[in-house]
């Protein structure tokens, strides 16, 4: 195994790990209500399509996700009104500074009575990533809701 080949594989592993961390960081920021920090996750011109709507550009993403946070915080606790758990993250590097990926979403709401299940939906994020100024960012993300399905 040549040094260059091994170096390329190590670089690819590090890129995929940074992208995985990016998706986890999104969940942490969203669930904690830190939407002002979403530039750490999205590109300036990112597109986001989720259950609360389709958004174009970082300013609109911040505004809409901040509004969603307030809407889901029905108890007014300002503390994790929902929890977005991600798993099974697959990433395919498509170039030195581009990638595509998908991961599962398990979405929970925390304002329900103890007797009611907190599960909101099962979904799958379909993402495009780009390395911009040395850091990976989500440039496009779409949530494919797997359950519950609209009738």
Protein backbone atom coordinates (compact mmCIF):
# COMPACT_ATOMS: atom_id res chain seq x y z
CA UNK A 1 0.00 0.00 0.00
CA UNK A 2 1.56 3.27 -1.09
CA UNK A 3 1.82 6.26 1.22
CA UNK A 4 -0.27 8.41 -1.12
CA UNK A 5 -3.06 5.83 -1.21
CA UNK A 6 -3.08 5.57 2.58
CA UNK A 7 -2.97 9.36 2.89
CA UNK A 8 -5.99 9.68 0.56
CA UNK A 9 -7.92 7.12 2.60
CA UNK A 10 -7.11 8.90 5.86
CA UNK A 11 -8.17 12.26 4.37
CA UNK A 12 -11.46 10.71 3.19
CA UNK A 13 -12.10 9.25 6.66
CA UNK A 14 -11.45 12.62 8.28
CA UNK A 15 -13.76 14.36 5.79
CA UNK A 16 -16.57 11.90 6.48
CA UNK A 17 -16.12 12.28 10.22
CA UNK A 18 -16.26 16.08 9.97
CA UNK A 19 -19.48 15.79 7.95
CA UNK A 20 -20.99 13.40 10.54
CA UNK A 21 -20.09 15.88 13.26
CA UNK A 22 -21.73 18.65 11.24
CA UNK A 23 -25.06 16.78 11.16
CA UNK A 24 -24.85 16.10 14.92
CA UNK A 25 -24.00 19.75 15.56
CA UNK A 26 -27.14 20.79 13.65
CA UNK A 27 -29.28 18.69 16.01
CA UNK A 28 -27.59 20.14 19.07
CA UNK A 29 -28.03 23.73 17.89
CA UNK A 30 -31.64 23.22 16.80
CA UNK A 31 -32.73 21.36 19.92
CA UNK A 32 -31.01 23.89 22.17
CA UNK A 33 -32.61 26.86 20.41
CA UNK A 34 -29.27 28.24 19.20
CA UNK A 35 -30.47 29.09 15.70
CA UNK A 36 -28.24 32.19 15.56
CA UNK A 37 -25.29 29.77 15.28
CA UNK A 38 -26.58 27.87 12.23
CA UNK A 39 -23.85 29.42 10.04
CA UNK A 40 -21.65 26.80 11.72
CA UNK A 41 -23.71 24.17 9.85
CA UNK A 42 -25.22 25.67 6.69
CA UNK A 43 -23.76 27.56 3.76
CA UNK A 44 -25.02 31.12 3.23
CA UNK A 45 -27.16 30.00 0.27
CA UNK A 46 -28.31 26.66 1.70
CA UNK A 47 -31.67 25.13 0.91
CA UNK A 48 -33.62 23.30 3.62
CA UNK A 49 -36.86 21.34 3.17
CA UNK A 50 -38.40 19.97 6.38
CA UNK A 51 -41.85 19.54 7.90
CA UNK A 52 -42.13 23.23 8.84
CA UNK A 53 -41.47 24.34 5.26
CA UNK A 54 -39.01 24.97 2.49
CA UNK A 55 -36.33 27.58 3.17
CA UNK A 56 -33.73 29.22 0.95
CA UNK A 57 -30.71 30.94 2.43
CA UNK A 58 -29.27 31.10 5.92
CA UNK A 59 -31.39 34.06 7.07
CA UNK A 60 -34.65 32.30 6.19
CA UNK A 61 -33.45 29.03 7.75
CA UNK A 62 -32.60 30.82 11.01
CA UNK A 63 -35.92 32.67 11.07
CA UNK A 64 -38.10 29.62 10.34
CA UNK A 65 -36.28 27.24 12.67
CA UNK A 66 -36.37 29.81 15.45
CA UNK A 67 -40.12 30.08 14.93
CA UNK A 68 -40.46 26.27 14.96
CA UNK A 69 -38.56 26.16 18.25
CA UNK A 70 -41.03 28.63 19.79
CA UNK A 71 -44.02 26.74 18.36
CA UNK A 72 -42.86 23.40 19.77
CA UNK A 73 -42.03 24.97 23.14
CA UNK A 74 -45.70 24.78 24.17
CA UNK A 75 -44.79 24.62 27.86
CA UNK A 76 -42.60 27.73 27.63
CA UNK A 77 -39.59 26.02 29.18
CA UNK A 78 -37.04 27.21 26.58
CA UNK A 79 -35.27 23.89 27.09
CA UNK A 80 -35.23 21.20 24.41
CA UNK A 81 -38.87 21.22 23.23
CA UNK A 82 -37.79 18.52 20.78
CA UNK A 83 -34.87 16.14 20.36
CA UNK A 84 -33.54 15.20 16.93
CA UNK A 85 -31.56 11.94 17.13
CA UNK A 86 -29.67 10.92 13.98
CA UNK A 87 -28.26 7.53 13.06
CA UNK A 88 -27.04 5.38 10.17
CA UNK A 89 -25.20 8.24 8.53
CA UNK A 90 -23.88 7.34 5.09
CA UNK A 91 -21.58 9.74 3.27
CA UNK A 92 -20.29 9.55 -0.28
CA UNK A 93 -17.49 11.92 -1.21
CA UNK A 94 -18.22 13.16 -4.74
CA UNK A 95 -15.14 15.36 -5.13
CA UNK A 96 -12.36 16.90 -3.04
CA UNK A 97 -14.80 19.51 -1.67
CA UNK A 98 -18.23 17.95 -2.20
CA UNK A 99 -20.24 15.08 -0.75
CA UNK A 100 -23.73 13.59 -0.54
CA UNK A 101 -25.19 11.81 2.42
CA UNK A 102 -28.21 10.50 4.21
CA UNK A 103 -29.04 9.64 7.78
CA UNK A 104 -32.05 8.54 9.75
CA UNK A 105 -33.93 10.96 11.98
CA UNK A 106 -35.81 9.94 15.11
CA UNK A 107 -37.73 13.04 16.16
CA UNK A 108 -39.14 13.36 19.68
CA UNK A 109 -41.21 16.11 21.30
CA UNK A 110 -40.84 16.73 25.01
CA UNK A 111 -44.03 18.60 25.92
CA UNK A 112 -46.37 15.59 25.96
CA UNK A 113 -47.81 14.09 29.14
CA UNK A 114 -45.94 11.11 30.53
CA UNK A 115 -48.69 8.73 29.38
CA UNK A 116 -48.37 9.87 25.76
CA UNK A 117 -45.47 8.65 23.65
CA UNK A 118 -43.02 11.45 22.76
CA UNK A 119 -42.30 10.07 19.30
CA UNK A 120 -43.14 12.55 16.53
CA UNK A 121 -41.74 11.04 13.34
CA UNK A 122 -39.22 8.81 11.61
CA UNK A 123 -37.42 10.36 8.69
CA UNK A 124 -34.35 10.43 6.58
CA UNK A 125 -32.25 13.49 5.82
CA UNK A 126 -30.94 13.64 2.24
CA UNK A 127 -28.02 16.08 2.20
CA UNK A 128 -25.48 17.77 -0.04
CA UNK A 129 -22.28 19.10 1.50
CA UNK A 130 -19.50 21.40 0.32
CA UNK A 131 -16.22 22.40 1.84
CA UNK A 132 -16.27 26.20 1.96
CA UNK A 133 -13.22 28.13 3.15
CA UNK A 134 -11.81 24.92 4.61
CA UNK A 135 -14.93 23.81 6.52
CA UNK A 136 -17.74 21.47 5.52
CA UNK A 137 -21.24 22.93 5.32
CA UNK A 138 -24.67 21.62 4.41
CA UNK A 139 -25.73 23.23 1.12
CA UNK A 140 -28.99 21.35 0.67
CA UNK A 141 -31.03 19.18 3.02
CA UNK A 142 -34.39 17.54 2.53
CA UNK A 143 -36.30 15.56 5.12
CA UNK A 144 -38.07 12.50 3.74
CA UNK A 145 -40.72 11.62 6.34
CA UNK A 146 -41.00 7.83 6.48
CA UNK A 147 -43.54 7.65 9.35
CA UNK A 148 -46.24 8.73 9.82
CA UNK A 149 -47.26 9.00 6.20
CA UNK A 150 -49.97 11.30 5.00
CA UNK A 151 -53.08 9.33 3.99
